[in-house]
Protein backbone atom coordinates (compact mmCIF):
# COMPACT_ATOMS: atom_id res chain seq x y z
CA MET A 1 0.46 -0.43 0.04
CA ALA A 2 2.76 2.43 0.76
CA THR A 3 4.27 1.62 -2.58
CA ALA A 4 1.40 2.82 -4.57
CA GLU A 5 1.20 5.47 -2.77
CA ASP A 6 4.60 7.26 -3.06
CA LYS A 7 3.91 5.91 -6.76
CA PHE A 8 1.01 8.06 -6.70
CA SER A 9 3.07 10.89 -5.25
CA LYS A 10 5.75 10.66 -7.77
CA LYS A 11 3.43 10.87 -10.48
CA ARG A 12 2.10 13.58 -9.37
CA LEU A 13 5.39 15.67 -8.64
CA ARG A 14 6.13 14.95 -12.22
CA SER A 15 2.91 15.87 -13.59
CA SER A 16 3.18 19.02 -11.56
CA TYR A 17 6.94 19.84 -12.65
CA PHE A 18 5.90 18.75 -16.18
CA THR A 19 2.94 21.60 -16.04
CA VAL A 20 5.28 24.47 -14.80
CA ILE A 21 8.13 23.64 -17.58
CA VAL A 22 4.91 23.68 -20.73
CA SER A 23 3.35 26.80 -18.86
CA ILE A 24 6.88 28.21 -18.57
CA SER A 25 7.83 27.37 -22.04
CA LEU A 26 4.28 28.65 -23.81
CA VAL A 27 4.92 32.08 -21.93
CA LEU A 28 8.49 32.60 -23.04
CA PHE A 29 7.25 31.59 -26.54
CA MET A 30 4.90 34.14 -26.68
CA LEU A 31 7.94 36.68 -25.13
CA GLY A 32 10.01 35.08 -27.62
CA LEU A 33 7.99 36.64 -30.40
CA LEU A 34 7.23 39.72 -28.80
CA GLY A 35 11.29 40.54 -28.64
CA PHE A 36 11.74 39.26 -31.81
CA VAL A 37 9.19 41.63 -32.88
CA LEU A 38 10.86 44.34 -31.08
CA LEU A 39 14.08 43.68 -32.24
CA ASN A 40 13.49 44.07 -35.92
CA ALA A 41 10.78 46.86 -35.23
CA ASN A 42 14.07 49.45 -36.01
CA ARG A 43 14.90 46.64 -38.93
CA LEU A 44 11.29 46.82 -40.55
CA SER A 45 11.04 50.96 -40.35
CA ASN A 46 14.32 51.62 -42.08
CA HIS A 47 13.43 49.06 -44.78
CA VAL A 48 10.20 50.56 -45.17
CA LYS A 49 11.98 53.68 -45.10
CA GLU A 50 14.84 52.83 -47.38
CA ASN A 51 12.05 51.91 -50.13
CA ILE A 52 11.15 55.86 -50.24
CA GLY A 53 12.87 58.02 -52.58
CA PHE A 54 12.50 60.76 -55.50
CA SER A 55 13.18 60.67 -59.30
CA ILE A 56 15.27 63.30 -60.75
CA ILE A 57 14.53 64.01 -64.37
CA ILE A 58 16.69 65.05 -67.01
CA LYS A 59 17.20 67.91 -69.13
CA GLU A 60 16.61 66.28 -73.06
CA ASP A 61 20.49 67.92 -74.23
CA ILE A 62 22.31 66.22 -71.61
CA LYS A 63 24.83 63.45 -72.44
CA GLU A 64 25.06 60.16 -70.86
CA VAL A 65 28.39 60.84 -69.92
CA ASP A 66 27.62 63.76 -68.05
CA ILE A 67 24.51 61.96 -66.15
CA PHE A 68 26.60 59.21 -65.47
CA LYS A 69 28.67 62.17 -63.14
CA LEU A 70 25.79 62.91 -61.92
CA GLN A 71 24.76 59.65 -61.00
CA LYS A 72 28.32 58.95 -59.08
CA SER A 73 27.79 63.02 -56.92
CA LEU A 74 24.69 61.01 -55.64
CA VAL A 75 26.10 57.92 -55.08
CA ALA A 76 28.82 59.60 -53.01
CA ALA A 77 25.95 61.90 -51.09
CA LYS A 78 25.83 60.67 -47.64
CA PHE A 79 22.04 60.48 -47.74
CA THR A 80 21.90 58.57 -50.82
CA LYS A 81 20.72 54.55 -50.46
CA SER A 82 21.02 53.45 -53.66
CA THR A 83 20.61 54.66 -57.40
CA ASP A 84 19.28 53.33 -60.93
CA TYR A 85 19.36 55.29 -64.08
CA ILE A 86 16.80 54.88 -66.26
CA ASP A 87 17.39 55.97 -70.32
CA LYS A 88 14.70 57.17 -72.36
CA GLU A 89 14.79 53.71 -73.91
CA LYS A 90 13.81 51.73 -70.83
CA ALA A 91 11.52 54.95 -69.51
CA ALA A 92 9.61 54.55 -72.59
CA ALA A 93 9.69 49.76 -72.52
CA GLU A 94 8.32 51.04 -68.72
CA MET A 95 5.47 53.33 -69.87
CA GLN A 96 4.25 50.65 -72.52
CA GLU A 97 4.31 48.03 -69.95
CA GLU A 98 1.89 50.10 -68.03
CA LEU A 99 -0.50 51.52 -70.76
CA GLY A 100 -0.93 47.92 -73.02
CA GLU A 101 0.14 49.66 -76.05
CA ASP A 102 3.07 51.27 -78.30
CA PHE A 103 2.10 54.99 -78.03
CA ILE A 104 5.89 55.80 -79.69
CA SER A 105 4.28 54.04 -82.70
CA PHE A 106 1.52 56.86 -82.18
CA LEU A 107 3.18 59.82 -81.30
CA GLY A 108 6.34 59.07 -83.50
CA TYR A 109 8.82 59.75 -81.46
CA ASN A 110 9.88 59.42 -77.36
CA PRO A 111 8.85 62.19 -75.39
CA LEU A 112 10.16 60.60 -72.24
CA LEU A 113 13.20 62.12 -70.76
CA PRO A 114 16.30 59.85 -69.04
CA SER A 115 16.07 60.03 -65.09
CA LEU A 116 17.61 59.08 -61.93
CA ASP A 117 15.45 56.77 -59.50
CA VAL A 118 17.26 57.62 -55.72
CA LYS A 119 16.62 55.71 -52.46
CA LEU A 120 17.29 57.06 -49.47
CA ASN A 121 18.88 56.23 -46.21
CA ALA A 122 16.34 55.62 -43.23
CA GLN A 123 17.27 59.07 -41.59
CA TYR A 124 16.86 61.39 -44.49
CA ALA A 125 13.51 59.64 -45.45
CA ASN A 126 11.46 62.35 -43.75
CA SER A 127 9.91 65.33 -45.18
CA ASP A 128 12.16 68.00 -44.04
CA SER A 129 15.36 66.03 -45.66
CA LEU A 130 13.85 65.59 -48.88
CA ALA A 131 12.69 69.59 -49.27
CA TRP A 132 16.65 70.19 -48.47
CA ILE A 133 18.00 67.92 -50.88
CA LYS A 134 15.12 68.96 -53.55
CA GLU A 135 16.83 72.79 -53.19
CA SER A 136 20.19 71.62 -53.17
CA LEU A 137 19.81 69.40 -56.49
CA SER A 138 18.01 72.08 -57.83
CA ALA A 139 20.53 73.87 -58.77
CA ASN A 140 22.21 71.99 -60.49
CA PRO A 141 21.96 73.02 -64.62
CA LYS A 142 21.53 69.41 -65.78
CA ILE A 143 18.21 68.49 -63.47
CA LYS A 144 15.07 69.81 -65.40
CA GLU A 145 12.80 68.94 -62.05
CA ILE A 146 12.51 66.55 -58.96
CA ASN A 147 9.82 64.44 -57.82
CA TYR A 148 8.38 63.30 -54.92
CA GLN A 149 5.30 62.24 -53.35
CA GLU A 150 5.48 64.34 -50.46
CA SER A 151 1.79 63.02 -48.81
CA LEU A 152 3.12 59.78 -48.79
CA ILE A 153 6.47 60.21 -46.97
CA ALA A 154 4.36 61.77 -44.24
CA ASP A 155 1.89 59.28 -44.04
CA VAL A 156 4.64 56.74 -44.21
CA ASN A 157 6.56 58.18 -41.09
CA LYS A 158 3.04 58.93 -39.08
CA ASN A 159 1.87 55.26 -39.69
CA ILE A 160 5.53 54.54 -37.64
CA ARG A 161 5.60 56.35 -34.86
CA LYS A 162 1.95 54.86 -34.34
CA ILE A 163 2.79 51.46 -34.85
CA SER A 164 5.74 51.63 -32.14
CA MET A 165 3.61 53.27 -29.89
CA VAL A 166 1.42 50.10 -30.06
CA ILE A 167 3.80 48.17 -29.62
CA LEU A 168 5.02 49.39 -26.77
CA ALA A 169 2.50 49.76 -24.53
CA PHE A 170 1.75 46.10 -25.89
CA SER A 171 5.04 44.89 -25.17
CA GLY A 172 4.80 46.12 -21.63
CA LEU A 173 1.56 45.06 -21.18
CA LEU A 174 2.52 41.40 -21.82
CA LEU A 175 5.98 41.36 -20.44
CA ILE A 176 3.23 41.82 -16.97
CA ILE A 177 1.25 39.30 -18.04
CA ALA A 178 3.78 36.75 -18.75
CA ILE A 179 5.72 37.18 -14.99
CA SER A 180 2.45 37.04 -13.64
CA LEU A 181 1.60 33.87 -15.07
CA ILE A 182 5.04 32.71 -14.30
CA ASN A 183 5.21 33.94 -10.80
CA ASN A 184 1.24 32.36 -10.49
CA SER A 185 2.80 28.69 -11.62
CA ILE A 186 5.42 28.68 -9.81
CA ARG A 187 3.10 29.41 -6.78
CA LEU A 188 1.33 26.44 -6.92
CA ALA A 189 3.91 24.13 -7.59
CA ILE A 190 5.55 25.54 -4.09
CA TYR A 191 1.90 25.56 -2.42
CA SER A 192 1.62 21.72 -3.30
CA LYS A 193 4.92 21.45 -0.59
CA ARG A 194 4.51 23.93 1.76
CA PHE A 195 4.13 21.20 4.53
CA LEU A 196 7.48 20.07 3.28
CA ILE A 197 8.94 23.13 3.72
CA LYS A 198 7.32 23.86 7.33
CA THR A 199 8.38 20.46 8.20
CA MET A 200 12.35 21.07 7.19
CA GLN A 201 12.30 24.50 9.34
CA LEU A 202 10.69 22.84 12.58
CA VAL A 203 13.26 20.44 12.74
CA GLY A 204 16.00 23.08 12.54
CA ALA A 205 17.13 23.55 8.60
CA THR A 206 17.95 26.95 8.34
CA SER A 207 15.91 29.11 5.29
CA SER A 208 18.88 28.85 3.26
CA PHE A 209 19.14 25.25 3.16
CA ILE A 210 15.41 24.86 2.46
CA ARG A 211 15.49 27.55 -0.20
CA ARG A 212 18.55 25.97 -2.15
CA PRO A 213 16.64 22.95 -3.59
CA PHE A 214 13.59 24.49 -4.48
CA VAL A 215 15.29 27.16 -6.39
CA TRP A 216 18.08 25.16 -8.18
CA LYS A 217 14.92 23.06 -9.40
CA SER A 218 12.68 25.94 -10.55
CA ILE A 219 15.81 27.23 -12.08
CA MET A 220 15.93 23.96 -14.34
CA ASN A 221 12.58 24.20 -15.21
CA GLY A 222 13.27 27.45 -16.75
CA VAL A 223 16.28 26.37 -18.33
CA TYR A 224 13.99 23.60 -19.71
CA GLY A 225 11.20 25.59 -20.57
CA ALA A 226 13.85 28.33 -22.31
CA ILE A 227 14.99 25.40 -24.24
CA ILE A 228 11.92 24.43 -25.20
CA ALA A 229 10.52 27.97 -25.87
CA SER A 230 13.82 28.63 -28.14
CA ALA A 231 13.34 25.35 -30.17
CA LEU A 232 9.31 26.97 -30.75
CA LEU A 233 10.63 30.77 -31.97
CA ILE A 234 13.09 29.67 -34.19
CA SER A 235 10.55 27.10 -35.88
CA VAL A 236 8.31 29.91 -36.29
CA VAL A 237 11.43 31.62 -37.66
CA TYR A 238 12.76 29.45 -40.05
CA TYR A 239 9.26 28.53 -41.53
CA SER A 240 8.21 32.66 -41.76
CA GLN A 241 11.42 32.90 -43.78
CA GLN A 242 10.32 30.63 -46.06
CA LEU A 243 6.81 31.26 -46.65
CA MET A 244 7.91 35.53 -47.03
CA PRO A 245 11.10 35.77 -47.72
CA GLU A 246 10.57 39.26 -48.97
CA LEU A 247 9.93 40.12 -45.04
CA PHE A 248 12.43 37.92 -43.41
CA GLU A 249 15.33 38.57 -46.04
CA ILE A 250 17.07 41.37 -43.49
CA GLN A 251 17.19 38.93 -40.44
CA ASP A 252 20.66 37.75 -39.42
CA LEU A 253 22.00 34.68 -37.00
CA GLU A 254 23.32 37.05 -34.51
CA LEU A 255 19.93 38.78 -33.36
CA LEU A 256 18.55 35.03 -33.50
CA VAL A 257 20.92 34.00 -31.06
CA SER A 258 20.60 37.33 -28.86
CA LEU A 259 16.64 36.60 -28.82
CA VAL A 260 17.27 33.25 -27.48
CA GLY A 261 20.36 34.33 -24.72
CA ILE A 262 17.05 36.98 -23.60
CA VAL A 263 14.72 33.87 -23.29
CA LEU A 264 16.97 31.91 -21.48
CA LEU A 265 18.10 34.80 -19.67
CA PHE A 266 14.53 35.94 -18.41
CA GLY A 267 13.06 32.05 -17.96
CA ILE A 268 16.47 31.86 -15.35
CA VAL A 269 16.17 35.03 -13.55
CA ILE A 270 11.71 35.22 -13.43
CA THR A 271 12.00 31.57 -11.95
CA TRP A 272 14.70 32.07 -9.69
CA ILE A 273 12.97 35.26 -7.86
CA SER A 274 9.50 33.47 -7.89
CA THR A 275 10.54 30.41 -6.08
CA ALA A 276 12.88 32.46 -3.38
CA LEU A 277 9.69 34.26 -2.70
CA ALA A 278 7.18 31.87 -2.72
CA VAL A 279 9.03 29.47 -0.23
CA SER A 280 10.16 32.53 1.88
CA ARG A 281 6.71 33.29 2.09
CA TYR A 282 5.73 29.65 3.31
CA LEU A 283 8.65 30.35 6.07
CA ARG A 284 7.06 33.09 7.44
CA MET A 285 3.53 31.87 7.67
CA LYS A 286 2.33 30.06 10.44
CA THR A 287 1.50 26.45 10.97
CA ASP A 288 -2.24 26.69 11.68
CA LYS A 289 -2.48 29.18 8.25
CA MET A 290 -1.16 26.95 5.82
CA TYR A 291 -4.70 24.79 5.62
């Protein structure tokens, strides 16, 4: 009979540890996904901004060699991410593809002018910088006009700021919820051993001696949970990259390793603190309060 009870107790203990590990791993997985978004928020923002640019329309009588010199000077400019030279023939081909008809045959000549498409570095992708760039380039005698969508640039920057604020607010809320969930899971696990804690205290064991095995076991549970969460996180990132390579092409290995390290550190720290607090609570509690 005693053997059956021991087996039942061990089974319940294993089940309790398993439940705590699963709870910790799921919460850490959600935090990992959130961390992934936060760590990439600036990169994603820059990625969007660096697709903003402007077109420089070149005058009709400018030689191609002079256009290349202008392009070279733009490449050297601190505000430039990349440039693309579009000659008259390429511009006509793009226009014909958009219109779906050969407008050159209808007109009898190619009315389009050569141009340079310029993509900006992220820090210059704003209305003020573009106004300054346009003013400085307009003085160049080779340039006929400079075109860009001012309203689009303002909307992009406005929306990025709004999204950043929402992400930060959501991150803070989820962090509080995550800490509460892990803390409650650990407190429930310690609650089932409250009488063991009190018995050890009554026979003369010191607080640190009683607390040590519980804290160590909880830290190991945190490590196991972090490993499971990291495996899930890496799987999600990998499959997301396969499905949407255009979105996740800017990821790198160092970022993912840093994220796994953060998840592991968080799993260790929160389980350590929560367990130490929970055990200390029952060490201070009177015996009659435990029932």
